[in-house]
């Protein structure tokens, strides 16, 4: 009897501890991305490079976002993988208004089934009216960030570059790599060296148009979306190209409500703007709005409807997200076929009613005789 009670006590004790030893996928620490450039509290202007590091893992997609001063989320874009565990994304900071922002990255891993997030990095956007195409953020970058400024011309030995950018001749002979005396030593979050960032590529260069959806609505408005192009790049990468007009040298906000997705772009001197979207969208119908802030008021136009075709589902893309634009010509043909079919059906019904009516009249005439 004592043995039975002893076995029961041990069994209950084991059952009580068992849940503590079970593991779920959520309890396992997943790799999280880290934004290693720009550094926190940096002041940025012009086009900058956002560099992201994640410990070795299979990343399905790395998206970069910014939180605006009024707590709105802006989609910066999808970062490209460079150097194995590094991802980079160019960002034209002139496409947003000056102020404080928080940058963060979202990594989709495990075939896109799990999303992990980086810590938010606070930065300040301070673009001047006469900004250069590309500038170096302040405070002075770490050795990681120094490697990112690929457009800076190489200095001859014996030349030291000051923090203000003025070249001064070093009187003493310097051997090896030139030293930037004004750059303080800072700790890099990642122990491995940073990659050398390649020059920014324009995805529109040498790309081909697969399909175009033009909009005739709101064409009398200054702020408008004129067309959406489905394109494929020279590297066989599909993307959507949004094309529109607004006020010259203004910041345009593009919102896809159905996703939702908020993007920002800067117009040129003629008010033209384009935005390339590389992030796949959910299949189905979408609506786009464009807006510009002018004289303290928001000018908004839309909706601009478009439809995304469903891609073949896979473990990496279970929802069938794609960048394939449903052809407006195909929709017109479908509508035409529908109208023609409806007209034929109506015609057949009318003929049938007339035939039955005449037949009924003949029968009445025969009965009268």
Protein backbone atom coordinates (compact mmCIF):
# COMPACT_ATOMS: atom_id res chain seq x y z
CA UNK A 1 0.00 0.00 0.00
CA UNK A 2 2.82 2.37 0.88
CA UNK A 3 4.48 1.60 -2.46
CA UNK A 4 1.29 2.52 -4.32
CA UNK A 5 1.01 5.85 -2.48
CA UNK A 6 4.68 6.50 -3.14
CA UNK A 7 4.25 5.87 -6.89
CA UNK A 8 1.17 8.14 -7.00
CA UNK A 9 2.99 10.96 -5.19
CA UNK A 10 5.99 10.67 -7.54
CA UNK A 11 3.67 10.60 -10.55
CA UNK A 12 1.76 13.71 -9.46
CA UNK A 13 5.01 15.51 -8.70
CA UNK A 14 6.31 14.63 -12.15
CA UNK A 15 3.13 15.89 -13.80
CA UNK A 16 3.44 19.14 -11.87
CA UNK A 17 6.96 19.73 -13.09
CA UNK A 18 6.35 18.59 -16.65
CA UNK A 19 4.87 21.88 -17.92
CA UNK A 20 7.96 23.68 -16.67
CA UNK A 21 10.11 21.55 -18.95
CA UNK A 22 8.04 21.89 -22.10
CA UNK A 23 9.14 24.34 -24.76
CA UNK A 24 7.22 26.13 -27.43
CA UNK A 25 8.40 28.00 -30.48
CA UNK A 26 7.56 31.29 -28.80
CA UNK A 27 9.79 30.51 -25.82
CA UNK A 28 12.82 30.07 -28.08
CA UNK A 29 14.79 33.27 -28.54
CA UNK A 30 14.61 34.19 -32.23
CA UNK A 31 17.28 36.25 -34.04
CA UNK A 32 16.46 39.95 -33.98
CA UNK A 33 17.82 42.60 -36.37
CA UNK A 34 20.04 45.46 -35.19
CA UNK A 35 20.35 48.83 -36.89
CA UNK A 36 24.07 49.61 -36.69
CA UNK A 37 23.96 52.68 -38.93
CA UNK A 38 22.93 55.40 -38.41
CA UNK A 39 23.72 55.62 -34.73
CA UNK A 40 21.18 56.73 -32.17
CA UNK A 41 20.60 60.48 -31.83
CA UNK A 42 22.34 61.22 -35.15
CA UNK A 43 21.36 64.24 -37.24
CA UNK A 44 20.75 63.18 -40.85
CA UNK A 45 20.30 64.92 -44.16
CA UNK A 46 20.33 63.99 -47.83
CA UNK A 47 20.46 60.33 -48.86
CA UNK A 48 21.77 58.05 -46.14
CA UNK A 49 22.42 54.33 -45.82
CA UNK A 50 20.58 52.29 -43.20
CA UNK A 51 22.66 49.24 -42.31
CA UNK A 52 21.14 46.30 -40.47
CA UNK A 53 22.82 43.26 -38.93
CA UNK A 54 21.24 39.97 -37.88
CA UNK A 55 22.95 36.84 -36.60
CA UNK A 56 23.26 34.15 -39.29
CA UNK A 57 19.79 32.92 -40.16
CA UNK A 58 17.56 32.59 -43.21
CA UNK A 59 15.75 35.91 -43.62
CA UNK A 60 12.74 35.91 -45.90
CA UNK A 61 12.35 39.72 -45.92
CA UNK A 62 13.84 42.72 -44.09
CA UNK A 63 11.57 45.79 -44.01
CA UNK A 64 12.56 49.21 -42.66
CA UNK A 65 10.14 51.70 -41.10
CA UNK A 66 10.22 55.14 -39.51
CA UNK A 67 7.97 56.52 -36.80
CA UNK A 68 7.10 60.17 -37.46
CA UNK A 69 6.83 62.92 -34.80
CA UNK A 70 3.02 62.47 -34.79
CA UNK A 71 3.40 58.68 -34.27
CA UNK A 72 2.54 57.73 -37.86
CA UNK A 73 4.40 54.81 -39.43
CA UNK A 74 6.24 55.36 -42.72
CA UNK A 75 7.41 52.43 -44.82
CA UNK A 76 10.96 53.21 -45.98
CA UNK A 77 11.41 50.05 -48.02
CA UNK A 78 12.79 46.52 -48.16
CA UNK A 79 16.49 46.27 -47.38
CA UNK A 80 18.77 44.33 -49.72
CA UNK A 81 20.98 41.59 -48.35
CA UNK A 82 24.68 42.33 -48.68
CA UNK A 83 27.60 40.42 -47.19
CA UNK A 84 25.63 37.51 -45.75
CA UNK A 85 24.26 38.81 -42.44
CA UNK A 86 24.11 42.49 -43.41
CA UNK A 87 21.22 44.34 -45.05
CA UNK A 88 21.28 47.88 -46.45
CA UNK A 89 18.61 50.35 -47.51
CA UNK A 90 19.18 53.79 -49.05
CA UNK A 91 16.82 56.47 -47.76
CA UNK A 92 16.38 59.95 -49.18
CA UNK A 93 15.60 61.89 -46.01
CA UNK A 94 14.44 64.86 -48.09
CA UNK A 95 11.26 62.87 -48.80
CA UNK A 96 10.03 63.61 -45.26
CA UNK A 97 9.69 66.80 -43.28
CA UNK A 98 12.37 67.80 -40.81
CA UNK A 99 11.98 66.58 -37.26
CA UNK A 100 12.57 63.66 -34.93
CA UNK A 101 12.03 60.09 -36.15
CA UNK A 102 12.55 56.58 -34.85
CA UNK A 103 13.90 53.92 -37.21
CA UNK A 104 13.37 50.20 -36.81
CA UNK A 105 13.65 47.02 -38.87
CA UNK A 106 11.33 44.02 -39.13
CA UNK A 107 12.85 40.67 -40.12
CA UNK A 108 10.64 37.88 -41.42
CA UNK A 109 12.29 34.53 -40.72
CA UNK A 110 11.29 30.88 -40.70
CA UNK A 111 9.81 31.18 -44.19
CA UNK A 112 8.04 34.42 -43.29
CA UNK A 113 6.07 32.80 -40.46
CA UNK A 114 7.88 34.66 -37.65
CA UNK A 115 8.60 38.41 -37.47
CA UNK A 116 11.21 39.87 -35.14
CA UNK A 117 11.84 43.55 -34.51
CA UNK A 118 14.88 45.70 -33.85
CA UNK A 119 15.05 48.35 -31.19
CA UNK A 120 13.95 51.81 -32.30
CA UNK A 121 16.82 54.16 -33.17
CA UNK A 122 16.01 57.87 -32.62
CA UNK A 123 17.36 60.24 -35.26
CA UNK A 124 16.78 63.84 -36.32
CA UNK A 125 16.14 64.84 -39.94
CA UNK A 126 17.51 68.32 -40.70
CA UNK A 127 17.62 69.01 -44.42
CA UNK A 128 18.56 72.45 -45.68
CA UNK A 129 17.25 74.06 -48.84
CA UNK A 130 20.62 73.54 -50.48
CA UNK A 131 21.35 69.96 -49.46
CA UNK A 132 23.91 67.93 -51.31
CA UNK A 133 22.81 64.66 -52.94
CA UNK A 134 24.44 62.68 -50.15
CA UNK A 135 25.75 63.79 -46.79
CA UNK A 136 27.39 62.28 -43.74
CA UNK A 137 25.30 62.23 -40.54
CA UNK A 138 26.49 63.85 -37.36
CA UNK A 139 27.81 63.12 -34.77
CA UNK A 140 30.89 61.65 -36.38
CA UNK A 141 30.23 58.04 -37.49
CA UNK A 142 31.86 55.01 -35.96
CA UNK A 143 34.30 52.88 -37.98
CA UNK A 144 31.26 50.98 -39.21
CA UNK A 145 29.60 54.13 -40.51
CA UNK A 146 32.86 55.43 -41.99
CA UNK A 147 32.94 52.46 -44.32
CA UNK A 148 29.48 53.41 -45.58
CA UNK A 149 30.43 56.77 -47.08
CA UNK A 150 31.74 55.23 -50.27
CA UNK A 151 31.41 58.49 -52.19
CA UNK A 152 34.06 60.25 -50.12
CA UNK A 153 37.25 60.54 -52.24
CA UNK A 154 40.30 58.72 -50.90
CA UNK A 155 42.92 60.94 -49.27
CA UNK A 156 46.62 60.74 -49.98
CA UNK A 157 48.96 59.61 -47.23
CA UNK A 158 49.88 62.43 -44.95
CA UNK A 159 46.48 64.11 -45.28
CA UNK A 160 44.12 64.36 -42.31
CA UNK A 161 40.44 65.27 -42.77
CA UNK A 162 38.95 67.43 -40.01
CA UNK A 163 35.39 67.05 -38.74
CA UNK A 164 34.31 70.11 -40.73
CA UNK A 165 35.50 68.41 -43.92
CA UNK A 166 38.52 70.66 -44.62
CA UNK A 167 41.67 68.87 -45.75
CA UNK A 168 44.84 69.91 -43.91
CA UNK A 169 48.32 68.70 -44.71
CA UNK A 170 49.94 66.68 -41.99
CA UNK A 171 53.48 67.90 -41.46
CA UNK A 172 54.68 64.53 -40.16
CA UNK A 173 54.95 61.54 -42.46
CA UNK A 174 52.12 59.07 -41.81
CA UNK A 175 52.47 55.44 -42.73
CA UNK A 176 49.60 53.02 -43.26
CA UNK A 177 45.95 54.13 -43.21
CA UNK A 178 45.23 57.87 -42.84
CA UNK A 179 43.92 58.76 -39.37
CA UNK A 180 40.81 60.85 -38.76
CA UNK A 181 41.78 62.56 -35.54
CA UNK A 182 38.37 64.11 -34.91
CA UNK A 183 36.47 60.80 -34.97
CA UNK A 184 35.98 59.50 -31.43
CA UNK A 185 36.23 55.82 -30.70
CA UNK A 186 32.85 54.23 -30.23
CA UNK A 187 31.78 50.69 -29.61
CA UNK A 188 30.21 48.83 -32.52
CA UNK A 189 27.20 46.72 -31.54
CA UNK A 190 28.40 43.87 -33.76
CA UNK A 191 31.88 42.39 -33.24
CA UNK A 192 32.34 41.66 -36.93
CA UNK A 193 33.53 44.33 -39.41
CA UNK A 194 31.02 46.13 -41.56
CA UNK A 195 30.67 45.49 -45.26
CA UNK A 196 31.65 47.97 -47.96
CA UNK A 197 28.37 49.35 -49.28
CA UNK A 198 28.04 49.31 -53.07
CA UNK A 199 26.82 52.42 -54.89
CA UNK A 200 23.06 52.92 -54.93
CA UNK A 201 21.39 51.38 -57.98
CA UNK A 202 18.30 52.85 -59.59
CA UNK A 203 15.92 49.94 -60.00
CA UNK A 204 14.15 51.79 -62.82
CA UNK A 205 17.26 51.68 -64.99
CA UNK A 206 16.89 49.09 -67.76
CA UNK A 207 13.60 47.90 -66.26
CA UNK A 208 10.71 46.80 -68.47
CA UNK A 209 7.02 47.64 -68.13
CA UNK A 210 4.81 44.56 -67.76
CA UNK A 211 1.52 46.33 -67.23
CA UNK A 212 0.25 49.89 -66.72
CA UNK A 213 -2.87 51.11 -64.95
CA UNK A 214 -3.67 54.75 -65.77
CA UNK A 215 -6.11 56.94 -63.84
CA UNK A 216 -8.34 59.53 -65.48
CA UNK A 217 -9.92 60.63 -62.20
CA UNK A 218 -8.73 63.72 -60.34
CA UNK A 219 -6.59 64.78 -63.31
CA UNK A 220 -7.72 68.38 -62.83
CA UNK A 221 -6.14 68.35 -59.34
CA UNK A 222 -2.56 69.44 -58.67
CA UNK A 223 -1.96 66.59 -56.21
CA UNK A 224 -2.74 63.33 -57.97
CA UNK A 225 -1.69 59.80 -58.90
CA UNK A 226 -1.43 59.41 -62.65
CA UNK A 227 -0.55 55.74 -63.11
CA UNK A 228 0.80 52.56 -61.55
CA UNK A 229 3.32 50.53 -63.53
CA UNK A 230 4.14 46.88 -62.93
CA UNK A 231 7.82 46.56 -63.88
CA UNK A 232 10.63 44.01 -63.81
CA UNK A 233 14.22 45.12 -63.28
CA UNK A 234 17.34 44.03 -65.15
CA UNK A 235 17.92 41.54 -62.29
CA UNK A 236 14.43 40.05 -62.82
CA UNK A 237 13.01 41.71 -59.70
CA UNK A 238 9.35 42.71 -59.89
CA UNK A 239 8.15 46.00 -58.41
CA UNK A 240 5.39 48.59 -58.69
CA UNK A 241 6.16 52.14 -59.83
CA UNK A 242 3.73 54.85 -58.68
CA UNK A 243 3.83 58.01 -60.83
CA UNK A 244 2.10 61.30 -60.06
CA UNK A 245 2.17 65.08 -59.77
CA UNK A 246 2.13 67.56 -56.88
CA UNK A 247 3.59 70.91 -55.91
CA UNK A 248 7.29 71.41 -56.78
CA UNK A 249 9.79 70.48 -54.05
CA UNK A 250 7.11 69.09 -51.74
CA UNK A 251 6.76 65.92 -49.69
CA UNK A 252 4.04 63.54 -50.92
CA UNK A 253 2.51 60.89 -48.68
CA UNK A 254 1.18 57.77 -50.43
CA UNK A 255 -1.19 55.59 -48.43
CA UNK A 256 -2.46 52.13 -49.35
CA UNK A 257 -5.35 51.81 -46.92
CA UNK A 258 -6.06 48.13 -47.48
CA UNK A 259 -2.61 46.98 -46.36
CA UNK A 260 -2.14 49.46 -44.61
CA UNK A 261 1.06 51.00 -45.94
CA UNK A 262 2.28 54.61 -45.74
CA UNK A 263 5.12 55.86 -47.95
CA UNK A 264 6.72 59.24 -48.59
CA UNK A 265 8.48 60.73 -51.60
CA UNK A 266 9.88 64.12 -52.67
CA UNK A 267 8.79 65.90 -55.86
CA UNK A 268 11.23 67.51 -58.28
CA UNK A 269 11.32 71.12 -59.50
CA UNK A 270 8.45 70.41 -61.93
CA UNK A 271 6.30 68.67 -59.32
CA UNK A 272 6.82 65.17 -60.73
CA UNK A 273 7.25 62.23 -58.37
CA UNK A 274 7.75 58.48 -58.58
CA UNK A 275 7.85 55.82 -55.89
CA UNK A 276 9.05 52.24 -56.42
CA UNK A 277 7.39 49.66 -54.17
CA UNK A 278 9.29 46.37 -53.77
CA UNK A 279 7.20 44.99 -50.91
CA UNK A 280 4.68 42.37 -52.13
CA UNK A 281 1.03 43.19 -51.48
CA UNK A 282 -1.83 40.98 -50.44
CA UNK A 283 -3.90 39.72 -53.38
CA UNK A 284 -7.19 41.46 -54.04
CA UNK A 285 -8.48 45.00 -54.31
CA UNK A 286 -6.56 47.97 -52.91
CA UNK A 287 -7.14 51.72 -52.66
CA UNK A 288 -4.45 54.39 -52.76
CA UNK A 289 -4.58 58.00 -51.53
CA UNK A 290 -2.05 60.78 -52.08
CA UNK A 291 -1.74 63.87 -49.91
CA UNK A 292 0.49 66.91 -49.46
CA UNK A 293 0.67 69.40 -46.61
CA UNK A 294 0.58 72.98 -47.89
CA UNK A 295 0.17 76.16 -45.84
CA UNK A 296 -0.75 74.10 -42.80
CA UNK A 297 -3.54 72.24 -44.62
CA UNK A 298 -3.61 68.73 -46.04
CA UNK A 299 -4.61 68.30 -49.70
CA UNK A 300 -5.75 64.72 -50.26
CA UNK A 301 -7.01 62.91 -53.36
CA UNK A 302 -8.30 59.43 -53.93
CA UNK A 303 -9.20 56.68 -53.80
CA UNK A 304 -7.27 55.22 -56.71
CA UNK A 305 -8.36 51.56 -56.96
CA UNK A 306 -6.16 48.77 -58.26
CA UNK A 307 -6.06 44.98 -57.98
CA UNK A 308 -3.17 42.63 -57.19
CA UNK A 309 -3.19 39.10 -58.59
CA UNK A 310 -2.62 36.15 -56.26
CA UNK A 311 0.71 34.37 -56.56
CA UNK A 312 1.05 30.64 -56.15
CA UNK A 313 1.03 29.86 -52.43
CA UNK A 314 4.18 28.41 -50.90
CA UNK A 315 5.56 27.85 -47.39
CA UNK A 316 7.46 31.14 -47.76
CA UNK A 317 4.41 32.96 -49.15
CA UNK A 318 1.28 31.25 -47.78
CA UNK A 319 -1.00 34.23 -48.55
CA UNK A 320 0.04 34.47 -52.19
CA UNK A 321 1.33 38.05 -51.91
CA UNK A 322 2.64 39.48 -55.17
CA UNK A 323 3.48 42.59 -57.17
CA UNK A 324 1.51 41.50 -60.23
CA UNK A 325 -0.91 44.21 -61.29
CA UNK A 326 -4.20 43.00 -62.74
CA UNK A 327 -4.51 44.42 -66.21
CA UNK A 328 -7.12 47.12 -66.67
CA UNK A 329 -7.47 45.91 -70.26
CA UNK A 330 -8.39 42.45 -68.99
CA UNK A 331 -10.97 43.96 -66.67
CA UNK A 332 -12.41 45.95 -69.58
CA UNK A 333 -12.64 42.80 -71.69
CA UNK A 334 -14.34 40.93 -68.86
CA UNK A 335 -16.82 43.77 -68.40
CA UNK A 336 -17.46 43.85 -72.15
CA UNK A 337 -18.10 40.11 -72.27
CA UNK A 338 -20.41 40.41 -69.29
CA UNK A 339 -22.42 43.23 -70.91
CA UNK A 340 -22.64 41.39 -74.24
CA UNK A 341 -23.76 38.21 -72.50
CA UNK A 342 -26.35 40.14 -70.52
CA UNK A 343 -27.64 41.78 -73.71
CA UNK A 344 -27.95 38.38 -75.40
CA UNK A 345 -29.87 36.95 -72.45
CA UNK A 346 -32.22 39.95 -72.42
CA UNK A 347 -32.75 39.65 -76.16
CA UNK A 348 -33.58 35.94 -75.85
CA UNK A 349 -36.08 36.68 -73.07
CA UNK A 350 -37.73 39.41 -75.11
CA UNK A 351 -38.02 37.14 -78.15
CA UNK A 352 -39.42 34.35 -75.99
CA UNK A 353 -42.03 36.68 -74.45
CA UNK A 354 -43.07 37.98 -77.88
CA UNK A 355 -43.36 34.43 -79.23
CA UNK A 356 -45.47 33.27 -76.30
CA UNK A 357 -47.68 36.35 -76.57
CA UNK A 358 -48.33 35.80 -80.29
CA UNK A 359 -48.96 32.11 -79.75
CA UNK A 360 -51.51 32.92 -77.07
CA UNK A 361 -53.26 35.36 -79.39
CA UNK A 362 -53.45 32.72 -82.17
CA UNK A 363 -55.00 30.24 -79.78
CA UNK A 364 -57.59 32.80 -78.74
CA UNK A 365 -58.35 33.58 -82.40
CA UNK A 366 -58.83 29.88 -83.18
CA UNK A 367 -61.19 29.38 -80.26
CA UNK A 368 -63.28 32.35 -81.38
CA UNK A 369 -63.77 30.81 -84.81
